[in-house]
Amino acid sequence: MKKTFTFFFLASLFAFFMLPLKTFAGFPIGKYRNVVVPTFSYYHQKDRFDDKDHVIKGAPGTGFTSYSSSLYIGYGISRRLDLIATIPYLYQQNVIAPGNKLVDAGLGDMTVGVSYNLVNFNYVRFLSVGVSAIVPLYKSYDGVSPLGLGNYGTEVKLMYCGNLPKDVASKGYFNMEFAYRRYYDTQGPDQISFTGTVGYPITKHNQLSLDILLFRSFSSNKAFNNNIFAARDYSFFKPQLNFGHTFTRRFSMFVGGFYIPFGVNTGVGYGGSVLGVIKI
């Protein structure tokens, strides 16, 4: 059996898998205000999609389970301009054969940048743009397997969010994000993604939200890699359902679960996340 390294997968975000940060994603934070979001994520994978979206079954006794945590920090420099940063910590377990398990852990790719509100529509809907730098907090060959691509990069994101139109629903919110990410390497990759979110309050303190993520990564390196951070050429579609509860005006919690029903050159996985949103 060919031993293909399987690595850590962040469910948010990440990412760049998206995480359910819907209480402020795309919304201006506010001058001199802070938002802190600690997150814990879980992911499991056994099978994979080939380059034609066909499911390839994993070998018996093999599989991949991952756990992660990350810290998002946002600071309102002005009413329109926010400083944002995300620092992830990765822990990976990969059973490549019965009795042969690879384990590694460490800091991943930090993103740090700014978000600027271009237009607000009567403070009901907001159009914003974000620019971030991607900084690897590890060496490319640390541990038994790399924790990422090991390359610096840049991300540009356009965000539109706000209250749902009254002719659609009397309450609720939406968030749409289109992002482009470039890693500075001869193999790239170049990545584009679209995230759409609709949230609806079911009681005064509880809400449900649905995320839809479309993601595509382009590279001259077409080799399959289960590690979503080290892979270069792949795509997937991922829906996620979230439940949120507001404890106070300054503290909320979200739990969410997802499944990847379609993909190309990537894993067939499922998982979930738990996060807290702290407004200071």
Protein backbone atom coordinates (compact mmCIF):
# COMPACT_ATOMS: atom_id res chain seq x y z
CA MET A 1 0.00 0.00 0.00
CA LYS A 2 1.31 3.39 -0.92
CA LYS A 3 1.78 5.45 2.24
CA THR A 4 0.22 8.80 1.57
CA PHE A 5 0.65 11.28 4.41
CA THR A 6 -2.62 12.50 5.86
CA PHE A 7 -2.45 15.60 7.95
CA PHE A 8 -4.34 18.00 10.03
CA PHE A 9 -7.57 19.54 8.81
CA LEU A 10 -9.04 22.75 10.25
CA ALA A 11 -12.75 22.86 9.88
CA SER A 12 -13.26 27.14 9.68
CA LEU A 13 -11.76 28.73 8.36
CA PHE A 14 -10.87 27.02 7.07
CA ALA A 15 -10.21 29.09 5.76
CA PHE A 16 -9.80 29.06 5.41
CA PHE A 17 -12.53 26.59 6.07
CA MET A 18 -15.23 28.96 7.26
CA LEU A 19 -16.23 28.90 10.92
CA PRO A 20 -19.58 30.18 12.16
CA LEU A 21 -18.40 33.67 13.15
CA LYS A 22 -21.63 35.08 11.88
CA THR A 23 -22.20 37.62 14.61
CA PHE A 24 -19.48 39.85 13.17
CA ALA A 25 -18.14 38.42 9.88
CA GLY A 26 -18.23 41.33 7.44
CA PHE A 27 -19.72 43.68 10.04
CA PRO A 28 -17.55 46.59 11.29
CA ILE A 29 -16.38 45.89 14.85
CA GLY A 30 -16.66 49.50 16.01
CA LYS A 31 -14.08 52.09 17.04
CA TYR A 32 -11.85 50.96 19.95
CA ARG A 33 -13.87 47.77 20.38
CA ASN A 34 -12.49 44.23 20.42
CA VAL A 35 -13.76 40.81 19.40
CA VAL A 36 -12.05 37.64 20.62
CA VAL A 37 -13.10 34.22 19.28
CA PRO A 38 -11.56 30.99 20.63
CA THR A 39 -12.50 27.94 18.54
CA PHE A 40 -12.22 24.16 18.84
CA SER A 41 -12.75 21.97 15.76
CA TYR A 42 -13.01 18.24 15.01
CA TYR A 43 -12.62 16.41 11.69
CA HIS A 44 -12.68 12.75 10.61
CA GLN A 45 -11.86 11.26 7.24
CA LYS A 46 -11.41 7.77 5.80
CA ASP A 47 -12.31 7.93 2.11
CA ARG A 48 -11.37 10.44 -0.60
CA PHE A 49 -12.55 11.91 -3.90
CA ASP A 50 -10.43 11.32 -7.01
CA ASP A 51 -9.94 13.86 -9.80
CA LYS A 52 -13.35 12.97 -11.30
CA ASP A 53 -15.40 13.31 -8.08
CA HIS A 54 -15.53 9.52 -7.61
CA VAL A 55 -15.25 8.21 -4.06
CA ILE A 56 -12.20 6.02 -3.38
CA LYS A 57 -12.59 3.84 -0.29
CA GLY A 58 -9.86 3.99 2.32
CA ALA A 59 -7.86 0.88 3.20
CA PRO A 60 -9.23 -1.15 6.16
CA GLY A 61 -7.83 -0.03 9.49
CA THR A 62 -6.71 3.36 8.22
CA GLY A 63 -8.21 6.76 8.83
CA PHE A 64 -7.58 10.29 9.89
CA THR A 65 -8.90 12.18 12.91
CA SER A 66 -7.88 15.71 13.78
CA TYR A 67 -8.45 18.29 16.47
CA SER A 68 -7.62 21.97 16.33
CA SER A 69 -7.92 25.22 18.20
CA SER A 70 -7.57 28.77 16.97
CA LEU A 71 -7.76 32.29 18.33
CA TYR A 72 -9.31 35.11 16.30
CA ILE A 73 -8.73 38.69 17.47
CA GLY A 74 -10.36 41.78 15.95
CA TYR A 75 -9.78 45.40 16.96
CA GLY A 76 -11.72 48.42 15.71
CA ILE A 77 -9.21 51.11 14.72
CA SER A 78 -12.02 53.37 13.52
CA ARG A 79 -15.68 53.06 12.59
CA ARG A 80 -14.67 51.67 9.20
CA LEU A 81 -11.23 50.12 9.70
CA ASP A 82 -10.55 46.95 11.71
CA LEU A 83 -7.35 45.06 12.49
CA ILE A 84 -7.80 41.26 12.42
CA ALA A 85 -5.59 38.25 13.17
CA THR A 86 -6.05 34.48 13.47
CA ILE A 87 -3.55 32.11 15.09
CA PRO A 88 -4.24 28.34 14.79
CA TYR A 89 -2.77 25.45 16.77
CA LEU A 90 -2.87 22.06 15.01
CA TYR A 91 -2.88 18.50 16.35
CA GLN A 92 -2.93 15.63 13.84
CA GLN A 93 -3.34 11.86 13.99
CA ASN A 94 -3.00 9.75 10.85
CA VAL A 95 -3.29 5.97 10.78
CA ILE A 96 -1.64 5.12 7.44
CA ALA A 97 -1.72 1.37 8.23
CA PRO A 98 -2.92 -0.76 11.15
CA GLY A 99 -0.53 -0.07 14.03
CA ASN A 100 1.25 2.71 12.16
CA LYS A 101 0.06 6.08 13.42
CA LEU A 102 1.66 9.45 12.73
CA VAL A 103 1.17 12.24 15.28
CA ASP A 104 2.30 15.84 15.02
CA ALA A 105 1.30 19.19 16.50
CA GLY A 106 2.24 22.85 16.33
CA LEU A 107 1.26 26.32 15.22
CA GLY A 108 -0.11 26.65 11.69
CA ASP A 109 -0.49 29.56 9.25
CA MET A 110 -1.24 32.88 10.94
CA THR A 111 -3.31 35.45 9.05
CA VAL A 112 -3.08 39.12 9.95
CA GLY A 113 -4.56 42.09 8.11
CA VAL A 114 -7.22 44.77 7.95
CA SER A 115 -10.88 45.01 6.99
CA TYR A 116 -12.37 48.26 5.67
CA ASN A 117 -16.07 49.10 5.35
CA LEU A 118 -16.53 50.62 1.89
CA VAL A 119 -20.24 51.40 2.10
CA ASN A 120 -22.97 51.06 4.71
CA PHE A 121 -26.58 51.07 3.60
CA ASN A 122 -28.39 52.91 6.41
CA TYR A 123 -26.38 50.82 8.88
CA VAL A 124 -28.50 47.84 7.86
CA ARG A 125 -26.18 46.28 5.26
CA PHE A 126 -22.44 46.63 4.81
CA LEU A 127 -20.01 46.19 1.92
CA SER A 128 -16.42 45.65 3.08
CA VAL A 129 -13.03 44.59 1.73
CA GLY A 130 -10.30 42.78 3.62
CA VAL A 131 -6.60 42.28 2.91
CA SER A 132 -4.48 39.84 4.94
CA ALA A 133 -0.98 38.40 4.97
CA ILE A 134 -0.42 34.66 5.50
CA VAL A 135 2.58 33.89 7.70
CA PRO A 136 3.71 30.29 8.44
CA LEU A 137 4.59 29.85 12.12
CA TYR A 138 6.57 26.64 11.48
CA LYS A 139 9.39 25.34 9.33
CA SER A 140 8.33 23.46 6.20
CA TYR A 141 9.73 20.14 7.38
CA ASP A 142 9.13 20.31 11.13
CA GLY A 143 7.88 17.03 12.60
CA VAL A 144 6.89 13.91 10.68
CA SER A 145 4.92 15.97 8.18
CA PRO A 146 4.52 19.65 7.32
CA LEU A 147 1.80 21.61 9.09
CA GLY A 148 1.11 23.64 5.96
CA LEU A 149 2.49 24.76 2.63
CA GLY A 150 5.34 26.60 4.32
CA ASN A 151 4.90 29.62 2.02
CA TYR A 152 3.96 33.22 2.67
CA GLY A 153 0.81 34.45 0.97
CA THR A 154 -1.82 37.16 0.57
CA GLU A 155 -5.61 37.08 0.75
CA VAL A 156 -8.11 39.63 -0.58
CA LYS A 157 -11.75 39.30 0.46
CA LEU A 158 -14.96 41.11 -0.53
CA MET A 159 -17.78 40.88 2.02
CA TYR A 160 -21.45 41.88 1.89
CA CYS A 161 -23.66 41.32 4.93
CA GLY A 162 -26.57 42.65 6.91
CA ASN A 163 -30.23 42.16 7.72
CA LEU A 164 -32.34 40.04 5.41
CA PRO A 165 -34.67 42.08 3.15
CA LYS A 166 -38.11 42.55 4.68
CA ASP A 167 -39.78 40.90 1.69
CA VAL A 168 -37.69 37.77 2.40
CA ALA A 169 -38.01 37.59 6.20
CA SER A 170 -39.02 39.91 9.02
CA LYS A 171 -35.80 39.10 10.88
CA GLY A 172 -32.53 37.31 10.32
CA TYR A 173 -29.23 38.13 8.63
CA PHE A 174 -27.01 37.09 5.73
CA ASN A 175 -23.31 37.16 4.94
CA MET A 176 -21.60 36.64 1.57
CA GLU A 177 -17.83 36.47 1.08
CA PHE A 178 -15.73 36.08 -2.04
CA ALA A 179 -12.03 35.52 -1.39
CA TYR A 180 -8.86 35.17 -3.45
CA ARG A 181 -5.69 33.77 -1.88
CA ARG A 182 -2.21 33.54 -3.41
CA TYR A 183 0.79 31.64 -2.04
CA TYR A 184 4.22 32.82 -3.19
CA ASP A 185 5.68 29.64 -4.65
CA THR A 186 6.35 28.45 -8.20
CA GLN A 187 3.55 25.89 -7.74
CA GLY A 188 1.19 28.36 -6.12
CA PRO A 189 -1.50 27.66 -5.34
CA ASP A 190 -4.06 30.27 -6.28
CA GLN A 191 -7.29 29.77 -4.33
CA ILE A 192 -10.78 31.19 -4.71
CA SER A 193 -13.77 30.63 -2.44
CA PHE A 194 -17.35 31.72 -1.97
CA THR A 195 -19.13 31.52 1.38
CA GLY A 196 -22.83 32.22 1.81
CA THR A 197 -24.56 32.31 5.20
CA VAL A 198 -28.15 32.79 6.30
CA GLY A 199 -29.01 33.08 9.99
CA TYR A 200 -32.41 33.22 11.63
CA PRO A 201 -33.35 33.74 15.32
CA ILE A 202 -35.68 31.04 16.61
CA THR A 203 -36.05 32.59 20.08
CA LYS A 204 -34.80 35.75 21.77
CA HIS A 205 -31.44 34.14 22.61
CA ASN A 206 -31.14 31.26 20.11
CA GLN A 207 -30.45 31.18 16.39
CA LEU A 208 -29.88 28.75 13.53
CA SER A 209 -27.62 29.42 10.58
CA LEU A 210 -26.65 27.60 7.39
CA ASP A 211 -23.28 28.01 5.67
CA ILE A 212 -22.50 27.04 2.09
CA LEU A 213 -18.82 26.97 1.06
CA LEU A 214 -17.47 26.52 -2.48
CA PHE A 215 -13.68 26.25 -2.61
CA ARG A 216 -11.19 25.79 -5.47
CA SER A 217 -7.40 25.62 -5.31
CA PHE A 218 -5.36 25.80 -8.55
CA SER A 219 -1.78 24.53 -8.90
CA SER A 220 0.55 22.87 -11.39
CA ASN A 221 1.11 20.22 -8.70
CA LYS A 222 -1.86 17.86 -9.18
CA ALA A 223 -0.73 15.24 -6.64
CA PHE A 224 -3.34 14.13 -4.13
CA ASN A 225 -2.66 15.05 -0.51
CA ASN A 226 -5.15 14.42 2.31
CA ASN A 227 -3.60 17.31 4.22
CA ILE A 228 -5.81 20.27 3.38
CA PHE A 229 -3.02 22.63 4.44
CA ALA A 230 -0.32 20.94 2.35
CA ALA A 231 -2.53 20.10 -0.67
CA ARG A 232 -2.32 22.40 -3.69
CA ASP A 233 -4.82 21.38 -6.39
CA TYR A 234 -8.31 20.39 -5.20
CA SER A 235 -11.89 21.59 -4.74
CA PHE A 236 -14.90 20.84 -2.55
CA PHE A 237 -18.43 21.83 -1.58
CA LYS A 238 -19.29 21.98 2.10
CA PRO A 239 -22.59 22.83 3.84
CA GLN A 240 -22.60 23.44 7.60
CA LEU A 241 -25.50 23.84 10.02
CA ASN A 242 -24.92 25.90 13.19
CA PHE A 243 -26.78 26.62 16.41
CA GLY A 244 -25.97 29.73 18.43
CA HIS A 245 -26.95 30.92 21.90
CA THR A 246 -26.48 34.45 23.26
CA PHE A 247 -25.75 34.43 26.98
CA THR A 248 -25.15 38.17 27.33
CA ARG A 249 -24.66 41.14 25.01
CA ARG A 250 -20.94 40.40 25.10
CA PHE A 251 -20.79 36.60 25.02
CA SER A 252 -22.25 34.04 22.62
CA MET A 253 -21.50 30.42 21.76
CA PHE A 254 -21.94 28.46 18.54
CA VAL A 255 -21.84 24.76 17.71
CA GLY A 256 -21.87 23.46 14.15
CA GLY A 257 -21.59 20.30 12.10
CA PHE A 258 -20.62 19.74 8.49
CA TYR A 259 -20.20 17.08 5.79
CA ILE A 260 -18.37 17.22 2.45
CA PRO A 261 -20.68 15.56 -0.15
CA PHE A 262 -18.75 16.62 -3.27
CA GLY A 263 -15.09 17.20 -3.98
CA VAL A 264 -12.20 16.71 -6.38
CA ASN A 265 -8.78 15.43 -5.30
CA THR A 266 -9.61 15.84 -1.60
CA GLY A 267 -11.02 13.91 1.35
CA VAL A 268 -14.57 12.81 2.14
CA GLY A 269 -14.95 14.15 5.65
CA TYR A 270 -17.28 15.29 8.38
CA GLY A 271 -16.82 17.16 11.62
CA GLY A 272 -17.87 20.06 13.76
CA SER A 273 -16.77 23.08 15.75
CA VAL A 274 -17.48 24.89 19.01
CA LEU A 275 -16.62 28.54 19.47
CA GLY A 276 -17.22 31.49 21.72
CA VAL A 277 -17.65 35.10 20.62
CA ILE A 278 -16.45 37.60 23.21
CA LYS A 279 -17.05 41.31 22.60
CA ILE A 280 -14.91 43.68 24.67
